[in-house]
Amino acid sequence: MKTIKISLPDKLAIEVENYVKHGWFTNEAEVLLTSLQEFIRHNRPKLMEQFMKEDIEWALNIKKSAK
């Protein structure tokens, strides 16, 4: 497992601490890990679509320059 050190703005750090304090998560790392997993899950389709569009555009440009 990889360890990443981050700095949070004070307001965001307080929100993370409150989730732990109120029992929603066992610790701050769990809050951040869950948040990152949800971000990736939510944005994966958008990112895949963007990458496909970029690949298609690249291929069309190659085809145009080959003429």
PDB file of N, CA and C in Angstrom:
ATOM      1  N   MET A   1       0.856  -1.175   0.000  1.00  0.00           N
ATOM      2  CA  MET A   1       0.000   0.000   0.000  1.00  0.00           C
ATOM      3  C   MET A   1       0.897   1.232   0.000  1.00  0.00           C
ATOM      4  N   LYS A   2       0.508   2.232  -0.773  1.00  0.00           N
ATOM      5  CA  LYS A   2       1.275   3.472  -0.865  1.00  0.00           C
ATOM      6  C   LYS A   2       0.755   4.475   0.156  1.00  0.00           C
ATOM      7  N   THR A   3       1.673   5.211   0.765  1.00  0.00           N
ATOM      8  CA  THR A   3       1.319   6.264   1.712  1.00  0.00           C
ATOM      9  C   THR A   3       1.499   7.609   1.029  1.00  0.00           C
ATOM     10  N   ILE A   4       0.494   8.476   1.175  1.00  0.00           N
ATOM     11  CA  ILE A   4       0.540   9.820   0.602  1.00  0.00           C
ATOM     12  C   ILE A   4       0.315  10.819   1.723  1.00  0.00           C
ATOM     13  N   LYS A   5       1.183  11.818   1.797  1.00  0.00           N
ATOM     14  CA  LYS A   5       1.044  12.874   2.800  1.00  0.00           C
ATOM     15  C   LYS A   5       0.406  14.082   2.121  1.00  0.00           C
ATOM     16  N   ILE A   6      -0.656  14.630   2.728  1.00  0.00           N
ATOM     17  CA  ILE A   6      -1.333  15.792   2.150  1.00  0.00           C
ATOM     18  C   ILE A   6      -1.545  16.863   3.210  1.00  0.00           C
ATOM     19  N   SER A   7      -1.720  18.081   2.737  1.00  0.00           N
ATOM     20  CA  SER A   7      -2.087  19.195   3.615  1.00  0.00           C
ATOM     21  C   SER A   7      -3.493  19.621   3.240  1.00  0.00           C
ATOM     22  N   LEU A   8      -4.337  19.801   4.250  1.00  0.00           N
ATOM     23  CA  LEU A   8      -5.720  20.208   4.015  1.00  0.00           C
ATOM     24  C   LEU A   8      -5.934  21.635   4.496  1.00  0.00           C
ATOM     25  N   PRO A   9      -6.761  22.383   3.783  1.00  0.00           N
ATOM     26  CA  PRO A   9      -7.163  23.688   4.322  1.00  0.00           C
ATOM     27  C   PRO A   9      -7.865  23.470   5.665  1.00  0.00           C
ATOM     28  N   ASP A  10      -7.740  24.431   6.560  1.00  0.00           N
ATOM     29  CA  ASP A  10      -8.293  24.282   7.912  1.00  0.00           C
ATOM     30  C   ASP A  10      -9.770  23.901   7.905  1.00  0.00           C
ATOM     31  N   LYS A  11     -10.560  24.555   7.067  1.00  0.00           N
ATOM     32  CA  LYS A  11     -12.001  24.285   7.038  1.00  0.00           C
ATOM     33  C   LYS A  11     -12.283  22.830   6.652  1.00  0.00           C
ATOM     34  N   LEU A  12     -11.564  22.318   5.657  1.00  0.00           N
ATOM     35  CA  LEU A  12     -11.754  20.936   5.232  1.00  0.00           C
ATOM     36  C   LEU A  12     -11.274  19.965   6.305  1.00  0.00           C
ATOM     37  N   ALA A  13     -10.169  20.290   6.960  1.00  0.00           N
ATOM     38  CA  ALA A  13      -9.650  19.437   8.033  1.00  0.00           C
ATOM     39  C   ALA A  13     -10.654  19.330   9.177  1.00  0.00           C
ATOM     40  N   ILE A  14     -11.317  20.428   9.493  1.00  0.00           N
ATOM     41  CA  ILE A  14     -12.336  20.418  10.553  1.00  0.00           C
ATOM     42  C   ILE A  14     -13.499  19.515  10.160  1.00  0.00           C
ATOM     43  N   GLU A  15     -13.908  19.580   8.896  1.00  0.00           N
ATOM     44  CA  GLU A  15     -15.000  18.715   8.440  1.00  0.00           C
ATOM     45  C   GLU A  15     -14.611  17.245   8.545  1.00  0.00           C
ATOM     46  N   VAL A  16     -13.381  16.921   8.143  1.00  0.00           N
ATOM     47  CA  VAL A  16     -12.901  15.541   8.245  1.00  0.00           C
ATOM     48  C   VAL A  16     -12.905  15.100   9.705  1.00  0.00           C
ATOM     49  N   GLU A  17     -12.386  15.930  10.580  1.00  0.00           N
ATOM     50  CA  GLU A  17     -12.363  15.616  12.015  1.00  0.00           C
ATOM     51  C   GLU A  17     -13.771  15.397  12.561  1.00  0.00           C
ATOM     52  N   ASN A  18     -14.728  16.192  12.096  1.00  0.00           N
ATOM     53  CA  ASN A  18     -16.111  16.052  12.566  1.00  0.00           C
ATOM     54  C   ASN A  18     -16.731  14.723  12.147  1.00  0.00           C
ATOM     55  N   TYR A  19     -16.418  14.258  10.942  1.00  0.00           N
ATOM     56  CA  TYR A  19     -16.932  12.947  10.517  1.00  0.00           C
ATOM     57  C   TYR A  19     -16.433  11.846  11.447  1.00  0.00           C
ATOM     58  N   VAL A  20     -15.169  11.941  11.836  1.00  0.00           N
ATOM     59  CA  VAL A  20     -14.610  10.944  12.751  1.00  0.00           C
ATOM     60  C   VAL A  20     -15.221  11.116  14.139  1.00  0.00           C
ATOM     61  N   LYS A  21     -15.285  12.347  14.606  1.00  0.00           N
ATOM     62  CA  LYS A  21     -15.814  12.649  15.941  1.00  0.00           C
ATOM     63  C   LYS A  21     -17.244  12.146  16.107  1.00  0.00           C
ATOM     64  N   HIS A  22     -18.052  12.266  15.051  1.00  0.00           N
ATOM     65  CA  HIS A  22     -19.455  11.858  15.122  1.00  0.00           C
ATOM     66  C   HIS A  22     -19.669  10.381  14.771  1.00  0.00           C
ATOM     67  N   GLY A  23     -18.580   9.652  14.579  1.00  0.00           N
ATOM     68  CA  GLY A  23     -18.668   8.210  14.396  1.00  0.00           C
ATOM     69  C   GLY A  23     -18.958   7.726  12.987  1.00  0.00           C
ATOM     70  N   TRP A  24     -18.917   8.611  12.009  1.00  0.00           N
ATOM     71  CA  TRP A  24     -19.180   8.183  10.627  1.00  0.00           C
ATOM     72  C   TRP A  24     -18.019   7.363  10.082  1.00  0.00           C
ATOM     73  N   PHE A  25     -16.807   7.648  10.555  1.00  0.00           N
ATOM     74  CA  PHE A  25     -15.602   6.943  10.133  1.00  0.00           C
ATOM     75  C   PHE A  25     -14.750   6.676  11.362  1.00  0.00           C
ATOM     76  N   THR A  26     -13.871   5.665  11.261  1.00  0.00           N
ATOM     77  CA  THR A  26     -13.035   5.323  12.416  1.00  0.00           C
ATOM     78  C   THR A  26     -11.832   6.249  12.564  1.00  0.00           C
ATOM     79  N   ASN A  27     -11.360   6.820  11.446  1.00  0.00           N
ATOM     80  CA  ASN A  27     -10.218   7.736  11.509  1.00  0.00           C
ATOM     81  C   ASN A  27     -10.192   8.623  10.266  1.00  0.00           C
ATOM     82  N   GLU A  28      -9.284   9.592  10.273  1.00  0.00           N
ATOM     83  CA  GLU A  28      -9.203  10.551   9.167  1.00  0.00           C
ATOM     84  C   GLU A  28      -8.790   9.884   7.864  1.00  0.00           C
ATOM     85  N   ALA A  29      -7.900   8.907   7.949  1.00  0.00           N
ATOM     86  CA  ALA A  29      -7.450   8.210   6.742  1.00  0.00           C
ATOM     87  C   ALA A  29      -8.621   7.522   6.047  1.00  0.00           C
ATOM     88  N   GLU A  30      -9.533   6.960   6.825  1.00  0.00           N
ATOM     89  CA  GLU A  30     -10.698   6.294   6.247  1.00  0.00           C
ATOM     90  C   GLU A  30     -11.595   7.297   5.517  1.00  0.00           C
ATOM     91  N   VAL A  31     -11.750   8.491   6.071  1.00  0.00           N
ATOM     92  CA  VAL A  31     -12.545   9.536   5.410  1.00  0.00           C
ATOM     93  C   VAL A  31     -11.934   9.864   4.055  1.00  0.00           C
ATOM     94  N   LEU A  32     -10.639  10.092   4.038  1.00  0.00           N
ATOM     95  CA  LEU A  32      -9.962  10.484   2.803  1.00  0.00           C
ATOM     96  C   LEU A  32      -9.936   9.354   1.780  1.00  0.00           C
ATOM     97  N   LEU A  33      -9.703   8.131   2.222  1.00  0.00           N
ATOM     98  CA  LEU A  33      -9.697   6.990   1.311  1.00  0.00           C
ATOM     99  C   LEU A  33     -11.071   6.794   0.681  1.00  0.00           C
ATOM    100  N   THR A  34     -12.112   6.863   1.488  1.00  0.00           N
ATOM    101  CA  THR A  34     -13.475   6.725   0.976  1.00  0.00           C
ATOM    102  C   THR A  34     -13.804   7.844   0.000  1.00  0.00           C
ATOM    103  N   SER A  35     -13.400   9.054   0.333  1.00  0.00           N
ATOM    104  CA  SER A  35     -13.648  10.202  -0.547  1.00  0.00           C
ATOM    105  C   SER A  35     -12.964  10.022  -1.891  1.00  0.00           C
ATOM    106  N   LEU A  36     -11.728   9.573  -1.880  1.00  0.00           N
ATOM    107  CA  LEU A  36     -10.985   9.367  -3.116  1.00  0.00           C
ATOM    108  C   LEU A  36     -11.604   8.244  -3.949  1.00  0.00           C
ATOM    109  N   GLN A  37     -12.006   7.161  -3.300  1.00  0.00           N
ATOM    110  CA  GLN A  37     -12.656   6.061  -4.017  1.00  0.00           C
ATOM    111  C   GLN A  37     -13.949   6.523  -4.677  1.00  0.00           C
ATOM    112  N   GLU A  38     -14.743   7.304  -3.971  1.00  0.00           N
ATOM    113  CA  GLU A  38     -16.001   7.812  -4.525  1.00  0.00           C
ATOM    114  C   GLU A  38     -15.751   8.780  -5.679  1.00  0.00           C
ATOM    115  N   PHE A  39     -14.736   9.622  -5.552  1.00  0.00           N
ATOM    116  CA  PHE A  39     -14.386  10.551  -6.629  1.00  0.00           C
ATOM    117  C   PHE A  39     -14.030   9.778  -7.897  1.00  0.00           C
ATOM    118  N   ILE A  40     -13.185   8.760  -7.756  1.00  0.00           N
ATOM    119  CA  ILE A  40     -12.775   7.959  -8.909  1.00  0.00           C
ATOM    120  C   ILE A  40     -13.967   7.219  -9.496  1.00  0.00           C
ATOM    121  N   ARG A  41     -14.788   6.606  -8.652  1.00  0.00           N
ATOM    122  CA  ARG A  41     -15.957   5.867  -9.133  1.00  0.00           C
ATOM    123  C   ARG A  41     -16.904   6.787  -9.895  1.00  0.00           C
ATOM    124  N   HIS A  42     -17.116   7.979  -9.371  1.00  0.00           N
ATOM    125  CA  HIS A  42     -18.053   8.923  -9.977  1.00  0.00           C
ATOM    126  C   HIS A  42     -17.519   9.491 -11.292  1.00  0.00           C
ATOM    127  N   ASN A  43     -16.224   9.734 -11.370  1.00  0.00           N
ATOM    128  CA  ASN A  43     -15.648  10.404 -12.538  1.00  0.00           C
ATOM    129  C   ASN A  43     -15.080   9.467 -13.597  1.00  0.00           C
ATOM    130  N   ARG A  44     -14.988   8.185 -13.317  1.00  0.00           N
ATOM    131  CA  ARG A  44     -14.410   7.240 -14.274  1.00  0.00           C
ATOM    132  C   ARG A  44     -15.095   7.290 -15.638  1.00  0.00           C
ATOM    133  N   PRO A  45     -16.439   7.253 -15.727  1.00  0.00           N
ATOM    134  CA  PRO A  45     -17.075   7.303 -17.059  1.00  0.00           C
ATOM    135  C   PRO A  45     -16.736   8.586 -17.827  1.00  0.00           C
ATOM    136  N   LYS A  46     -16.712   9.713 -17.146  1.00  0.00           N
ATOM    137  CA  LYS A  46     -16.380  10.980 -17.802  1.00  0.00           C
ATOM    138  C   LYS A  46     -14.948  10.962 -18.321  1.00  0.00           C
ATOM    139  N   LEU A  47     -14.034  10.454 -17.507  1.00  0.00           N
ATOM    140  CA  LEU A  47     -12.640  10.392 -17.921  1.00  0.00           C
ATOM    141  C   LEU A  47     -12.452   9.439 -19.091  1.00  0.00           C
ATOM    142  N   MET A  48     -13.123   8.288 -19.050  1.00  0.00           N
ATOM    143  CA  MET A  48     -13.029   7.327 -20.152  1.00  0.00           C
ATOM    144  C   MET A  48     -13.531   7.955 -21.446  1.00  0.00           C
ATOM    145  N   GLU A  49     -14.653   8.662 -21.375  1.00  0.00           N
ATOM    146  CA  GLU A  49     -15.201   9.318 -22.558  1.00  0.00           C
ATOM    147  C   GLU A  49     -14.223  10.363 -23.091  1.00  0.00           C
ATOM    148  N   GLN A  50     -13.649  11.144 -22.206  1.00  0.00           N
ATOM    149  CA  GLN A  50     -12.689  12.167 -22.620  1.00  0.00           C
ATOM    150  C   GLN A  50     -11.481  11.529 -23.302  1.00  0.00           C
ATOM    151  N   PHE A  51     -10.951  10.457 -22.737  1.00  0.00           N
ATOM    152  CA  PHE A  51      -9.788   9.788 -23.325  1.00  0.00           C
ATOM    153  C   PHE A  51     -10.131   9.206 -24.695  1.00  0.00           C
ATOM    154  N   MET A  52     -11.334   8.630 -24.833  1.00  0.00           N
ATOM    155  CA  MET A  52     -11.742   8.079 -26.124  1.00  0.00           C
ATOM    156  C   MET A  52     -11.851   9.176 -27.179  1.00  0.00           C
ATOM    157  N   LYS A  53     -12.438  10.316 -26.815  1.00  0.00           N
ATOM    158  CA  LYS A  53     -12.555  11.437 -27.752  1.00  0.00           C
ATOM    159  C   LYS A  53     -11.175  11.924 -28.182  1.00  0.00           C
ATOM    160  N   GLU A  54     -10.257  12.014 -27.234  1.00  0.00           N
ATOM    161  CA  GLU A  54      -8.895  12.445 -27.562  1.00  0.00           C
ATOM    162  C   GLU A  54      -8.214  11.447 -28.488  1.00  0.00           C
ATOM    163  N   ASP A  55      -8.424  10.146 -28.256  1.00  0.00           N
ATOM    164  CA  ASP A  55      -7.844   9.119 -29.124  1.00  0.00           C
ATOM    165  C   ASP A  55      -8.412   9.205 -30.537  1.00  0.00           C
ATOM    166  N   ILE A  56      -9.720   9.411 -30.642  1.00  0.00           N
ATOM    167  CA  ILE A  56     -10.362   9.523 -31.955  1.00  0.00           C
ATOM    168  C   ILE A  56      -9.842  10.754 -32.691  1.00  0.00           C
ATOM    169  N   GLU A  57      -9.749  11.865 -31.984  1.00  0.00           N
ATOM    170  CA  GLU A  57      -9.242  13.095 -32.599  1.00  0.00           C
ATOM    171  C   GLU A  57      -7.806  12.902 -33.079  1.00  0.00           C
ATOM    172  N   TRP A  58      -6.999  12.247 -32.272  1.00  0.00           N
ATOM    173  CA  TRP A  58      -5.614  11.969 -32.650  1.00  0.00           C
ATOM    174  C   TRP A  58      -5.568  11.122 -33.919  1.00  0.00           C
ATOM    175  N   ALA A  59      -6.390  10.062 -33.972  1.00  0.00           N
ATOM    176  CA  ALA A  59      -6.412   9.177 -35.140  1.00  0.00           C
ATOM    177  C   ALA A  59      -6.883   9.922 -36.389  1.00  0.00           C
ATOM    178  N   LEU A  60      -7.884  10.771 -36.256  1.00  0.00           N
ATOM    179  CA  LEU A  60      -8.367  11.545 -37.399  1.00  0.00           C
ATOM    180  C   LEU A  60      -7.294  12.509 -37.899  1.00  0.00           C
ATOM    181  N   ASN A  61      -6.553  13.110 -36.991  1.00  0.00           N
ATOM    182  CA  ASN A  61      -5.464  14.007 -37.392  1.00  0.00           C
ATOM    183  C   ASN A  61      -4.355  13.251 -38.121  1.00  0.00           C
ATOM    184  N   ILE A  62      -4.053  12.048 -37.675  1.00  0.00           N
ATOM    185  CA  ILE A  62      -3.050  11.215 -38.346  1.00  0.00           C
ATOM    186  C   ILE A  62      -3.536  10.873 -39.750  1.00  0.00           C
ATOM    187  N   LYS A  63      -4.813  10.520 -39.862  1.00  0.00           N
ATOM    188  CA  LYS A  63      -5.391  10.156 -41.162  1.00  0.00           C
ATOM    189  C   LYS A  63      -5.338  11.349 -42.117  1.00  0.00           C
ATOM    190  N   LYS A  64      -5.661  12.555 -41.617  1.00  0.00           N
ATOM    191  CA  LYS A  64      -5.630  13.764 -42.452  1.00  0.00           C
ATOM    192  C   LYS A  64      -4.212  14.050 -42.944  1.00  0.00           C
ATOM    193  N   SER A  65      -3.240  13.915 -42.061  1.00  0.00           N
ATOM    194  CA  SER A  65      -1.864  14.237 -42.439  1.00  0.00           C
ATOM    195  C   SER A  65      -1.268  13.195 -43.383  1.00  0.00           C
ATOM    196  N   ALA A  66      -1.846  12.002 -43.434  1.00  0.00           N
ATOM    197  CA  ALA A  66      -1.361  10.946 -44.325  1.00  0.00           C
ATOM    198  C   ALA A  66      -1.823  11.172 -45.763  1.00  0.00           C
ATOM    199  N   LYS A  67      -2.822  12.016 -45.958  1.00  0.00           N
ATOM    200  CA  LYS A  67      -3.353  12.263 -47.312  1.00  0.00           C
ATOM    201  C   LYS A  67      -2.463  13.161 -48.103  1.00  0.00           C
TER     202      LYS A  67
END
